[in-house]
Protein backbone atom coordinates (compact mmCIF):
# COMPACT_ATOMS: atom_id res chain seq x y z
CA UNK A 1 0.22 0.12 -0.01
CA UNK A 2 1.02 3.42 -0.47
CA UNK A 3 0.97 6.35 2.13
CA UNK A 4 -0.85 9.44 1.10
CA UNK A 5 -2.36 12.29 3.11
CA UNK A 6 -5.75 14.29 1.58
CA UNK A 7 -7.84 17.02 3.69
CA UNK A 8 -11.46 17.01 4.09
CA UNK A 9 -13.88 19.37 5.82
CA UNK A 10 -14.98 18.99 9.12
CA UNK A 11 -18.41 17.67 8.01
CA UNK A 12 -16.85 15.28 5.76
CA UNK A 13 -14.47 13.71 7.90
CA UNK A 14 -17.29 13.10 10.86
CA UNK A 15 -19.46 11.65 8.27
CA UNK A 16 -16.86 9.30 6.99
CA UNK A 17 -15.87 8.29 10.51
CA UNK A 18 -19.57 7.62 11.45
CA UNK A 19 -19.37 5.53 8.71
CA UNK A 20 -16.26 3.46 9.46
CA UNK A 21 -17.34 3.29 12.87
CA UNK A 22 -21.28 1.76 11.75
CA UNK A 23 -19.14 -1.13 9.29
CA UNK A 24 -16.14 -1.53 12.52
CA UNK A 25 -13.79 -0.70 9.99
CA UNK A 26 -10.69 1.64 9.82
CA UNK A 27 -11.25 5.17 7.84
CA UNK A 28 -8.69 3.88 5.81
CA UNK A 29 -10.56 1.41 4.92
CA UNK A 30 -13.82 3.47 4.56
CA UNK A 31 -11.73 5.51 1.84
CA UNK A 32 -10.14 2.33 0.01
CA UNK A 33 -13.96 1.16 -0.56
CA UNK A 34 -15.21 4.45 -1.35
CA UNK A 35 -12.46 5.20 -3.85
CA UNK A 36 -12.80 1.65 -5.60
CA UNK A 37 -16.61 1.98 -5.85
CA UNK A 38 -15.90 5.56 -7.24
CA UNK A 39 -13.82 4.92 -9.93
CA UNK A 40 -15.78 1.80 -11.30
CA UNK A 41 -18.18 4.58 -11.73
CA UNK A 42 -15.86 7.16 -12.67
CA UNK A 43 -16.28 10.99 -12.15
CA UNK A 44 -16.53 12.50 -15.47
CA UNK A 45 -20.37 13.45 -15.17
CA UNK A 46 -20.09 16.35 -12.73
CA UNK A 47 -23.79 16.01 -12.20
CA UNK A 48 -23.33 12.50 -11.01
CA UNK A 49 -24.25 12.37 -6.96
CA UNK A 50 -22.09 9.47 -6.75
CA UNK A 51 -19.15 11.54 -8.42
CA UNK A 52 -19.81 14.57 -6.24
CA UNK A 53 -19.39 11.97 -2.92
CA UNK A 54 -15.86 10.77 -4.16
CA UNK A 55 -14.81 14.35 -4.87
CA UNK A 56 -16.01 15.09 -1.33
CA UNK A 57 -13.32 12.84 -0.01
CA UNK A 58 -10.28 14.58 -0.87
CA UNK A 59 -8.64 15.74 2.40
CA UNK A 60 -9.58 12.85 4.20
CA UNK A 61 -6.66 12.78 6.66
CA UNK A 62 -7.15 16.09 8.37
CA UNK A 63 -7.02 15.58 11.96
CA UNK A 64 -5.07 18.36 13.08
CA UNK A 65 -3.07 16.38 14.80
CA UNK A 66 1.07 15.74 14.13
CA UNK A 67 1.44 12.06 15.72
CA UNK A 68 -1.12 10.28 13.48
CA UNK A 69 1.75 7.66 12.40
CA UNK A 70 2.93 6.81 15.42
CA UNK A 71 -0.69 6.55 17.12
CA UNK A 72 -3.21 5.81 14.73
CA UNK A 73 -4.43 2.60 16.76
CA UNK A 74 -5.02 4.78 19.80
CA UNK A 75 -6.81 7.71 17.95
CA UNK A 76 -8.88 4.38 15.99
CA UNK A 77 -9.79 3.11 19.40
CA UNK A 78 -10.88 6.25 20.81
CA UNK A 79 -13.10 6.73 17.72
CA UNK A 80 -14.75 3.19 18.05
CA UNK A 81 -15.50 3.66 21.66
CA UNK A 82 -17.30 6.61 20.78
């Protein structure tokens, strides 16, 4: 896998966090699944609601924390406990 960073609006991050929690998967896994689905459908049609959802995912990893790499498991556990 390749590590990357993206930024989300606060509302996008919260929706993604809740989705991941509901499916008992990490946020990273949720992003991978959504991207896979979105890439199958394409993003050429700007009027498509699915394309819009995919484009909203840009910036997903904005947390404001600078130690995610070393403590991501702790933060994931915290999120699942909410």
